[in-house]
N, C-alpha and C. Protein backbone atom coordinates (compact mmCIF):
# COMPACT_ATOMS: atom_id res chain seq x y z
N MET A 1 -1.85 20.92 3.09
CA MET A 1 -1.62 19.62 3.47
C MET A 1 -2.98 19.26 4.49
N PRO A 2 -3.54 18.05 4.03
CA PRO A 2 -4.56 17.86 4.98
C PRO A 2 -4.01 17.65 6.53
N GLU A 3 -5.02 17.91 7.54
CA GLU A 3 -4.55 17.89 8.97
C GLU A 3 -3.99 16.66 9.33
N THR A 4 -4.83 15.61 8.78
CA THR A 4 -4.42 14.17 9.15
C THR A 4 -2.91 13.83 8.62
N LEU A 5 -2.86 14.23 7.53
CA LEU A 5 -1.36 14.03 7.09
C LEU A 5 -0.36 14.86 7.67
N SER A 6 -0.47 16.16 8.06
CA SER A 6 0.27 16.96 8.74
C SER A 6 0.57 16.32 10.24
N SER A 7 -0.42 15.84 10.74
CA SER A 7 -0.42 15.24 11.99
C SER A 7 0.61 13.90 12.05
N LEU A 8 0.25 13.19 10.96
CA LEU A 8 1.08 11.95 10.63
C LEU A 8 2.70 12.43 10.48
N ARG A 9 2.86 13.11 9.64
CA ARG A 9 4.31 13.72 9.71
C ARG A 9 4.96 14.20 10.77
N GLN A 10 4.20 14.91 11.74
CA GLN A 10 4.73 15.41 12.93
C GLN A 10 4.96 14.30 13.79
N LYS A 11 4.22 13.29 13.89
CA LYS A 11 4.24 12.09 14.91
C LYS A 11 5.57 11.25 14.21
N LEU A 12 5.84 11.13 12.97
CA LEU A 12 6.94 10.40 12.62
C LEU A 12 8.17 11.40 12.94
N TYR A 13 8.10 12.61 12.62
CA TYR A 13 9.27 13.52 12.93
C TYR A 13 9.60 13.32 14.38
N GLN A 14 8.60 13.44 15.29
CA GLN A 14 8.77 13.57 16.93
C GLN A 14 9.33 12.21 17.21
N LYS A 15 8.92 10.97 16.72
CA LYS A 15 9.38 9.77 17.13
C LYS A 15 10.85 9.56 16.61
N ALA A 16 11.08 10.10 15.33
CA ALA A 16 12.59 10.06 15.06
C ALA A 16 13.48 10.88 15.97
N LYS A 17 12.99 12.13 16.25
CA LYS A 17 13.64 12.92 17.08
C LYS A 17 14.04 12.49 18.43
N ASP A 18 12.77 11.71 19.06
CA ASP A 18 13.07 11.33 20.53
C ASP A 18 13.82 10.05 20.47
N GLU A 19 13.65 9.10 19.56
CA GLU A 19 14.24 7.85 19.47
C GLU A 19 15.22 7.84 18.28
N PRO A 20 16.36 8.29 18.26
CA PRO A 20 17.25 8.22 17.13
C PRO A 20 17.58 6.76 16.47
N LYS A 21 17.62 5.95 17.52
CA LYS A 21 17.79 4.63 17.05
C LYS A 21 16.69 3.62 16.63
N PHE A 22 15.55 4.27 16.76
CA PHE A 22 14.17 3.62 16.33
C PHE A 22 14.23 3.20 14.73
N ARG A 23 14.02 2.13 14.53
CA ARG A 23 13.77 1.80 13.10
C ARG A 23 12.46 1.73 12.42
N PHE A 24 12.10 2.32 11.45
CA PHE A 24 10.63 2.47 11.03
C PHE A 24 10.57 1.32 10.05
N TYR A 25 10.03 0.27 10.57
CA TYR A 25 9.93 -0.91 9.51
C TYR A 25 8.68 -1.00 8.66
N VAL A 26 7.56 -0.41 9.13
CA VAL A 26 6.31 -0.50 8.43
C VAL A 26 5.88 0.89 8.03
N LEU A 27 6.42 1.45 6.78
CA LEU A 27 6.03 2.81 6.23
C LEU A 27 5.35 2.68 4.95
N TYR A 28 5.40 1.63 4.29
CA TYR A 28 4.82 1.31 2.97
C TYR A 28 3.30 1.48 3.09
N ASP A 29 2.64 1.13 4.09
CA ASP A 29 1.13 1.29 4.33
C ASP A 29 0.84 2.79 4.49
N ARG A 30 1.78 3.60 4.66
CA ARG A 30 1.68 5.11 5.02
C ARG A 30 1.59 5.58 3.72
N ILE A 31 2.45 5.12 2.80
CA ILE A 31 2.68 6.01 1.49
C ILE A 31 1.39 5.68 0.52
N PHE A 32 0.68 4.57 0.66
CA PHE A 32 -0.37 4.27 -0.12
C PHE A 32 -1.67 4.68 0.44
N ARG A 33 -1.78 5.54 1.30
CA ARG A 33 -2.95 6.22 1.81
C ARG A 33 -3.42 7.07 0.76
N LYS A 34 -4.84 7.11 0.73
CA LYS A 34 -5.34 8.02 -0.35
C LYS A 34 -5.01 9.59 -0.08
N ASP A 35 -5.11 9.87 1.21
CA ASP A 35 -4.87 11.26 1.55
C ASP A 35 -3.37 11.62 1.18
N VAL A 36 -2.48 10.69 1.24
CA VAL A 36 -0.98 10.98 1.00
C VAL A 36 -0.95 11.05 -0.29
N ILE A 37 -1.51 10.37 -1.29
CA ILE A 37 -1.41 10.23 -2.73
C ILE A 37 -2.21 11.51 -3.23
N ALA A 38 -3.24 11.78 -2.60
CA ALA A 38 -4.12 13.30 -3.16
C ALA A 38 -3.22 14.28 -2.75
N CYS A 39 -2.55 14.52 -1.59
CA CYS A 39 -1.70 15.51 -1.45
C CYS A 39 -0.53 15.46 -2.52
N ALA A 40 0.12 14.45 -2.52
CA ALA A 40 1.36 14.28 -3.53
C ALA A 40 0.90 14.79 -4.93
N TYR A 41 -0.20 14.35 -5.39
CA TYR A 41 -0.92 14.79 -6.63
C TYR A 41 -0.99 16.32 -6.59
N ALA A 42 -1.48 16.84 -5.49
CA ALA A 42 -1.80 18.35 -5.57
C ALA A 42 -0.44 19.15 -5.60
N ILE A 43 0.74 18.40 -4.90
CA ILE A 43 1.90 19.18 -4.97
C ILE A 43 2.56 19.20 -6.28
N CYS A 44 2.43 18.06 -6.79
CA CYS A 44 3.11 17.76 -8.33
C CYS A 44 2.20 18.75 -9.30
N ARG A 45 1.02 18.80 -9.17
CA ARG A 45 0.04 19.42 -9.99
C ARG A 45 0.63 21.08 -9.97
N ALA A 46 0.90 21.57 -8.65
CA ALA A 46 1.31 22.80 -8.47
C ALA A 46 2.73 23.22 -9.04
N ASN A 47 3.46 22.16 -8.98
CA ASN A 47 4.83 22.32 -9.55
C ASN A 47 4.75 22.24 -11.11
N GLY A 48 3.87 21.71 -11.62
CA GLY A 48 3.83 21.47 -13.14
C GLY A 48 4.84 20.71 -13.75
N GLY A 49 5.43 20.91 -14.88
CA GLY A 49 6.34 20.10 -15.50
C GLY A 49 5.72 19.46 -16.92
N ALA A 50 6.77 18.87 -17.61
CA ALA A 50 6.42 18.30 -18.89
C ALA A 50 6.17 17.11 -18.73
N ALA A 51 5.58 16.35 -19.90
CA ALA A 51 5.07 15.02 -19.87
C ALA A 51 6.17 14.20 -19.85
N GLY A 52 6.05 12.71 -19.25
CA GLY A 52 7.17 11.81 -19.21
C GLY A 52 7.04 11.17 -20.57
N VAL A 53 7.61 9.76 -20.57
CA VAL A 53 7.57 8.99 -21.85
C VAL A 53 6.21 8.74 -22.18
N ASP A 54 5.28 8.72 -21.24
CA ASP A 54 3.80 8.38 -21.65
C ASP A 54 3.01 9.45 -22.41
N GLY A 55 3.68 10.63 -22.41
CA GLY A 55 2.96 11.76 -23.03
C GLY A 55 1.89 12.44 -22.19
N MET A 56 1.48 12.00 -21.07
CA MET A 56 0.39 12.27 -20.32
C MET A 56 0.62 13.57 -19.50
N THR A 57 -0.12 14.46 -19.59
CA THR A 57 -0.24 15.84 -18.90
C THR A 57 -1.25 15.82 -17.89
N PHE A 58 -1.12 16.84 -17.08
CA PHE A 58 -2.28 17.04 -15.86
C PHE A 58 -3.46 17.53 -16.65
N GLU A 59 -3.34 18.26 -17.70
CA GLU A 59 -4.72 18.57 -18.46
C GLU A 59 -5.45 17.15 -18.88
N ASP A 60 -4.48 16.15 -19.54
CA ASP A 60 -5.00 14.86 -19.90
C ASP A 60 -5.72 14.29 -18.61
N ILE A 61 -5.04 14.21 -17.58
CA ILE A 61 -5.66 13.55 -16.40
C ILE A 61 -7.03 14.36 -15.94
N GLU A 62 -6.86 15.74 -15.92
CA GLU A 62 -7.99 16.13 -15.47
C GLU A 62 -9.17 16.24 -16.33
N SER A 63 -8.96 16.19 -17.63
CA SER A 63 -10.05 16.07 -18.72
C SER A 63 -10.66 14.74 -18.90
N SER A 64 -9.88 13.72 -18.50
CA SER A 64 -10.33 12.43 -18.69
C SER A 64 -11.72 12.03 -17.82
N PRO A 65 -12.55 11.11 -18.09
CA PRO A 65 -13.69 10.97 -17.58
C PRO A 65 -13.51 10.80 -15.92
N ASP A 66 -12.49 9.95 -15.47
CA ASP A 66 -12.30 9.85 -13.94
C ASP A 66 -11.67 10.86 -13.33
N GLY A 67 -10.88 11.89 -14.22
CA GLY A 67 -10.47 12.96 -13.62
C GLY A 67 -9.16 12.73 -12.57
N SER A 68 -8.95 13.77 -11.78
CA SER A 68 -7.82 13.67 -10.95
C SER A 68 -7.95 12.50 -9.78
N ASP A 69 -9.40 12.47 -9.36
CA ASP A 69 -9.75 11.42 -8.22
C ASP A 69 -9.53 10.20 -8.69
N GLY A 70 -9.83 9.94 -10.09
CA GLY A 70 -9.74 8.64 -10.66
C GLY A 70 -8.24 8.23 -10.87
N PHE A 71 -7.49 9.34 -11.09
CA PHE A 71 -5.97 9.11 -11.26
C PHE A 71 -5.36 8.68 -9.91
N VAL A 72 -5.77 9.32 -8.89
CA VAL A 72 -5.32 9.02 -7.34
C VAL A 72 -5.89 7.92 -6.99
N ASP A 73 -7.00 7.45 -7.24
CA ASP A 73 -7.45 6.05 -7.05
C ASP A 73 -6.69 4.90 -7.70
N ALA A 74 -6.25 5.18 -8.98
CA ALA A 74 -5.36 4.11 -9.76
C ALA A 74 -4.19 3.93 -9.09
N ILE A 75 -3.55 4.98 -8.74
CA ILE A 75 -2.10 5.04 -8.10
C ILE A 75 -2.41 4.17 -6.85
N TYR A 76 -3.37 4.73 -6.01
CA TYR A 76 -3.75 3.94 -4.78
C TYR A 76 -3.83 2.34 -4.87
N GLU A 77 -4.59 2.00 -5.80
CA GLU A 77 -4.77 0.52 -6.10
C GLU A 77 -3.46 -0.14 -6.32
N SER A 78 -2.62 0.59 -7.42
CA SER A 78 -1.32 -0.06 -7.91
C SER A 78 -0.35 -0.31 -6.69
N LEU A 79 -0.53 0.67 -5.75
CA LEU A 79 0.47 0.63 -4.58
C LEU A 79 0.05 -0.43 -3.41
N LYS A 80 -1.26 -0.34 -3.36
CA LYS A 80 -1.97 -1.25 -2.43
C LYS A 80 -1.73 -2.68 -2.90
N THR A 81 -1.88 -3.02 -4.23
CA THR A 81 -1.82 -4.46 -4.54
C THR A 81 -0.35 -4.77 -4.87
N LYS A 82 0.60 -3.76 -4.92
CA LYS A 82 2.09 -3.89 -5.19
C LYS A 82 2.29 -4.33 -6.48
N THR A 83 1.44 -3.79 -7.48
CA THR A 83 1.60 -3.79 -8.87
C THR A 83 2.40 -2.52 -9.65
N TYR A 84 2.64 -1.83 -8.96
CA TYR A 84 3.16 -0.35 -9.31
C TYR A 84 4.49 -0.83 -9.92
N LYS A 85 4.92 -0.22 -11.05
CA LYS A 85 6.02 -0.36 -11.65
C LYS A 85 6.51 0.91 -12.32
N PRO A 86 7.60 1.63 -11.95
CA PRO A 86 7.85 2.83 -12.40
C PRO A 86 8.16 2.75 -13.86
N ALA A 87 7.88 3.83 -14.68
CA ALA A 87 8.13 3.98 -16.10
C ALA A 87 9.51 4.39 -16.40
N ALA A 88 9.92 4.10 -17.60
CA ALA A 88 11.11 4.74 -18.11
C ALA A 88 11.10 6.41 -17.70
N VAL A 89 12.41 7.06 -17.92
CA VAL A 89 12.48 8.43 -17.72
C VAL A 89 12.58 9.07 -19.13
N ARG A 90 11.93 10.05 -19.36
CA ARG A 90 12.21 10.70 -20.78
C ARG A 90 13.38 11.45 -20.58
N ARG A 91 14.41 11.53 -21.50
CA ARG A 91 15.69 12.16 -21.41
C ARG A 91 15.60 13.31 -22.45
N VAL A 92 15.91 14.49 -21.91
CA VAL A 92 15.94 15.53 -22.66
C VAL A 92 17.33 16.40 -22.34
N TYR A 93 17.77 17.16 -23.27
CA TYR A 93 19.08 17.91 -23.02
C TYR A 93 18.83 19.24 -22.79
N ILE A 94 19.49 19.79 -21.94
CA ILE A 94 19.25 21.31 -21.64
C ILE A 94 20.54 22.02 -22.11
N PRO A 95 20.57 23.19 -22.77
CA PRO A 95 22.01 23.79 -23.07
C PRO A 95 22.40 24.41 -21.79
N LYS A 96 23.92 24.26 -21.75
CA LYS A 96 24.48 25.27 -20.66
C LYS A 96 25.13 26.22 -21.39
N PRO A 97 25.52 27.23 -20.29
CA PRO A 97 26.13 28.47 -21.09
C PRO A 97 27.43 28.32 -21.78
N ASP A 98 28.09 27.17 -21.42
CA ASP A 98 29.29 26.94 -22.18
C ASP A 98 29.09 26.24 -23.48
N GLY A 99 27.82 25.99 -23.90
CA GLY A 99 27.57 25.29 -25.05
C GLY A 99 27.32 23.87 -25.01
N ARG A 100 27.91 23.32 -23.89
CA ARG A 100 27.71 21.86 -23.79
C ARG A 100 26.07 21.49 -23.43
N GLN A 101 25.82 20.22 -23.21
CA GLN A 101 24.51 20.02 -22.94
C GLN A 101 24.33 19.30 -21.61
N ARG A 102 23.33 19.46 -20.80
CA ARG A 102 23.10 18.70 -19.59
C ARG A 102 21.97 17.83 -19.63
N PRO A 103 21.95 16.43 -19.32
CA PRO A 103 20.98 15.62 -19.42
C PRO A 103 19.90 16.06 -18.37
N LEU A 104 18.60 15.62 -18.77
CA LEU A 104 17.62 15.94 -17.77
C LEU A 104 16.67 14.84 -17.78
N GLY A 105 16.18 14.03 -16.66
CA GLY A 105 15.29 13.05 -16.84
C GLY A 105 13.85 13.59 -16.44
N ILE A 106 13.11 13.27 -17.11
CA ILE A 106 11.71 13.74 -16.79
C ILE A 106 10.69 12.36 -16.44
N PRO A 107 10.35 12.07 -15.31
CA PRO A 107 9.56 10.97 -15.14
C PRO A 107 8.16 11.17 -15.57
N THR A 108 7.34 10.22 -15.43
CA THR A 108 5.93 10.48 -15.86
C THR A 108 5.35 11.14 -14.68
N ILE A 109 4.15 11.62 -14.84
CA ILE A 109 3.21 12.32 -13.68
C ILE A 109 3.12 11.12 -12.59
N TRP A 110 2.69 9.93 -13.24
CA TRP A 110 2.43 9.08 -12.05
C TRP A 110 3.66 8.75 -11.23
N ASP A 111 4.70 8.55 -11.88
CA ASP A 111 5.81 8.27 -11.20
C ASP A 111 6.25 9.54 -10.22
N ARG A 112 5.92 10.73 -10.67
CA ARG A 112 6.27 11.84 -9.70
C ARG A 112 5.34 12.01 -8.42
N VAL A 113 4.12 11.47 -8.69
CA VAL A 113 3.11 11.33 -7.65
C VAL A 113 3.58 10.34 -6.68
N VAL A 114 3.97 9.16 -7.02
CA VAL A 114 4.36 8.22 -6.14
C VAL A 114 5.71 8.62 -5.44
N GLN A 115 6.74 9.13 -6.10
CA GLN A 115 7.74 9.66 -5.52
C GLN A 115 7.57 10.90 -4.47
N MET A 116 6.62 11.70 -4.85
CA MET A 116 6.29 12.73 -3.71
C MET A 116 5.52 11.93 -2.49
N ALA A 117 4.85 11.06 -2.74
CA ALA A 117 4.15 10.22 -1.53
C ALA A 117 5.18 9.82 -0.63
N ALA A 118 6.22 9.15 -1.37
CA ALA A 118 7.16 8.65 -0.49
C ALA A 118 7.87 9.65 0.27
N LEU A 119 8.25 10.74 -0.28
CA LEU A 119 8.88 11.86 0.32
C LEU A 119 8.03 12.42 1.44
N LEU A 120 6.68 12.47 1.20
CA LEU A 120 5.99 12.96 2.35
C LEU A 120 6.08 12.32 3.68
N ILE A 121 6.25 10.84 3.43
CA ILE A 121 6.34 10.12 4.78
C ILE A 121 7.74 9.99 5.12
N LEU A 122 8.75 9.93 4.18
CA LEU A 122 10.08 9.70 4.66
C LEU A 122 10.79 11.03 5.13
N GLU A 123 10.39 12.07 4.49
CA GLU A 123 10.99 13.36 4.80
C GLU A 123 11.25 13.71 6.48
N PRO A 124 9.97 13.70 7.00
CA PRO A 124 10.08 14.06 8.41
C PRO A 124 10.98 13.29 9.19
N ILE A 125 11.03 11.89 8.81
CA ILE A 125 11.98 11.06 9.68
C ILE A 125 13.54 11.39 9.40
N PHE A 126 13.84 11.61 8.17
CA PHE A 126 15.37 12.08 8.03
C PHE A 126 15.49 13.49 8.49
N GLU A 127 14.64 14.21 8.31
CA GLU A 127 14.76 15.86 8.87
C GLU A 127 15.06 15.84 10.33
N ALA A 128 14.53 14.93 11.15
CA ALA A 128 14.95 14.78 12.59
C ALA A 128 16.29 14.49 12.77
N ASP A 129 16.90 14.03 11.86
CA ASP A 129 18.40 13.64 12.16
C ASP A 129 19.37 14.86 11.55
N PHE A 130 19.04 15.50 10.61
CA PHE A 130 19.82 16.62 9.98
C PHE A 130 20.10 17.69 11.07
N LEU A 131 21.31 18.31 11.00
CA LEU A 131 21.76 19.19 11.77
C LEU A 131 21.22 20.62 11.27
N ASP A 132 21.08 21.46 12.25
CA ASP A 132 20.36 22.77 11.87
C ASP A 132 21.46 23.72 10.82
N CYS A 133 22.71 23.23 10.82
CA CYS A 133 23.59 23.93 10.17
C CYS A 133 23.60 23.43 8.63
N SER A 134 22.84 22.47 8.41
CA SER A 134 22.81 21.81 7.10
C SER A 134 21.73 22.45 6.20
N TYR A 135 22.20 22.80 5.12
CA TYR A 135 21.11 23.71 4.09
C TYR A 135 20.84 22.90 2.79
N GLY A 136 21.60 21.94 2.44
CA GLY A 136 21.54 21.42 1.10
C GLY A 136 20.45 20.59 0.84
N PHE A 137 19.52 20.84 0.04
CA PHE A 137 18.33 19.97 -0.43
C PHE A 137 17.46 19.89 0.95
N ARG A 138 17.09 20.84 1.46
CA ARG A 138 16.33 20.68 2.78
C ARG A 138 14.95 21.71 2.53
N PRO A 139 14.07 21.23 2.84
CA PRO A 139 12.61 21.82 2.88
C PRO A 139 12.76 23.05 3.51
N GLY A 140 12.34 24.23 2.99
CA GLY A 140 12.37 25.47 3.62
C GLY A 140 13.87 26.23 3.80
N ARG A 141 14.75 25.60 3.10
CA ARG A 141 16.09 26.19 3.30
C ARG A 141 16.69 26.31 1.70
N SER A 142 17.56 27.25 1.61
CA SER A 142 18.04 27.43 0.16
C SER A 142 19.56 28.03 0.33
N ALA A 143 20.13 28.03 -0.77
CA ALA A 143 21.51 28.48 -0.79
C ALA A 143 21.74 29.85 -0.10
N HIS A 144 20.72 30.65 -0.45
CA HIS A 144 20.58 32.22 0.06
C HIS A 144 20.48 32.03 1.67
N ASP A 145 19.75 31.12 2.23
CA ASP A 145 19.72 31.07 3.59
C ASP A 145 21.07 30.57 4.34
N ALA A 146 21.86 29.65 3.52
CA ALA A 146 23.16 29.33 3.86
C ALA A 146 24.26 30.54 3.78
N LEU A 147 23.99 31.40 2.83
CA LEU A 147 24.83 32.48 2.60
C LEU A 147 24.54 33.60 3.90
N LYS A 148 23.38 33.83 4.21
CA LYS A 148 22.86 34.71 5.26
C LYS A 148 23.59 33.97 6.55
N GLU A 149 23.52 32.85 6.76
CA GLU A 149 24.14 32.32 7.90
C GLU A 149 25.66 32.51 8.11
N VAL A 150 26.41 32.29 6.95
CA VAL A 150 27.75 32.36 7.00
C VAL A 150 28.07 33.65 7.14
N HIS A 151 27.39 34.78 6.48
CA HIS A 151 27.64 36.10 6.78
C HIS A 151 27.44 36.62 8.21
N LYS A 152 26.33 36.06 8.83
CA LYS A 152 26.04 36.23 10.24
C LYS A 152 27.19 35.89 11.08
N ASN A 153 27.69 34.70 10.81
CA ASN A 153 28.69 34.07 11.78
C ASN A 153 30.07 34.68 11.51
N LEU A 154 30.37 35.19 10.33
CA LEU A 154 31.38 35.84 10.05
C LEU A 154 31.62 37.29 10.72
N LYS A 155 30.45 37.80 10.58
CA LYS A 155 30.23 39.18 11.24
C LYS A 155 30.53 39.01 12.78
N GLN A 156 30.10 37.75 13.31
CA GLN A 156 30.42 37.61 14.76
C GLN A 156 31.80 37.15 15.03
N GLY A 157 32.59 37.11 14.06
CA GLY A 157 33.97 36.61 14.26
C GLY A 157 34.32 35.03 14.20
N ARG A 158 33.11 34.35 14.02
CA ARG A 158 33.39 32.68 13.84
C ARG A 158 33.78 32.47 12.34
N LYS A 159 34.94 31.79 12.24
CA LYS A 159 35.57 31.46 11.06
C LYS A 159 35.63 29.97 10.76
N GLU A 160 35.14 29.07 11.57
CA GLU A 160 35.36 27.61 11.48
C GLU A 160 34.44 27.13 10.62
N TRP A 161 34.41 26.98 9.14
CA TRP A 161 33.30 26.55 8.47
C TRP A 161 33.89 25.42 7.63
N VAL A 162 32.89 24.49 7.18
CA VAL A 162 33.28 23.41 6.25
C VAL A 162 32.36 23.91 5.19
N LEU A 163 33.00 23.99 4.06
CA LEU A 163 32.21 24.32 2.62
C LEU A 163 32.32 22.90 1.87
N ASN A 164 31.16 22.32 1.47
CA ASN A 164 31.23 21.25 0.76
C ASN A 164 30.68 21.55 -0.64
N ASN A 165 31.25 21.11 -1.66
CA ASN A 165 30.69 21.11 -3.13
C ASN A 165 30.84 22.49 -3.60
N LEU A 166 31.89 23.52 -3.08
CA LEU A 166 31.94 24.73 -3.35
C LEU A 166 32.70 24.91 -4.68
N ARG A 167 32.24 25.55 -5.71
CA ARG A 167 32.94 25.79 -6.92
C ARG A 167 33.20 27.04 -7.09
N ILE A 168 34.67 27.31 -7.13
CA ILE A 168 35.12 28.77 -6.95
C ILE A 168 35.19 29.06 -8.62
N SER A 169 35.96 28.19 -9.37
CA SER A 169 35.92 28.62 -10.90
C SER A 169 36.33 27.29 -11.64
N LYS A 170 36.22 27.11 -12.78
CA LYS A 170 36.45 26.23 -13.59
C LYS A 170 37.78 25.97 -13.92
């Protein structure tokens, strides 16, 4: 992550932490910064994934005459001029162990990059409000981390826990 973006994220986090009632009214201009979009593209590229409804892959983007820089520039312009419109999501079905199928939506790479850019700006603001004991869908935290914490606390004799969305059996 570029230092300027890292610094921006740290400042957003600190402001949210220091002033919990502060409202961030002007964040859109932070989302369409080129460094934010370029970083979002790099993260999405590293994650990989299938093409969306437009059929475009990372290889298509990078082998085009403008390459990934042109792709980032195009997203920047669409966000700056407020002409960005998300595409439909490609629906595929993933088989479950019990034979049923689970629907999965695959956004276009363009939409994934825009979503990641928004996440890069919004995440530090919301992270400032989350409790240290919260593990669900948090950066740098996993279900395994939560289990380790539960185990540690149980060994210490602490048994007051709230378990949310715990599926024991069907």
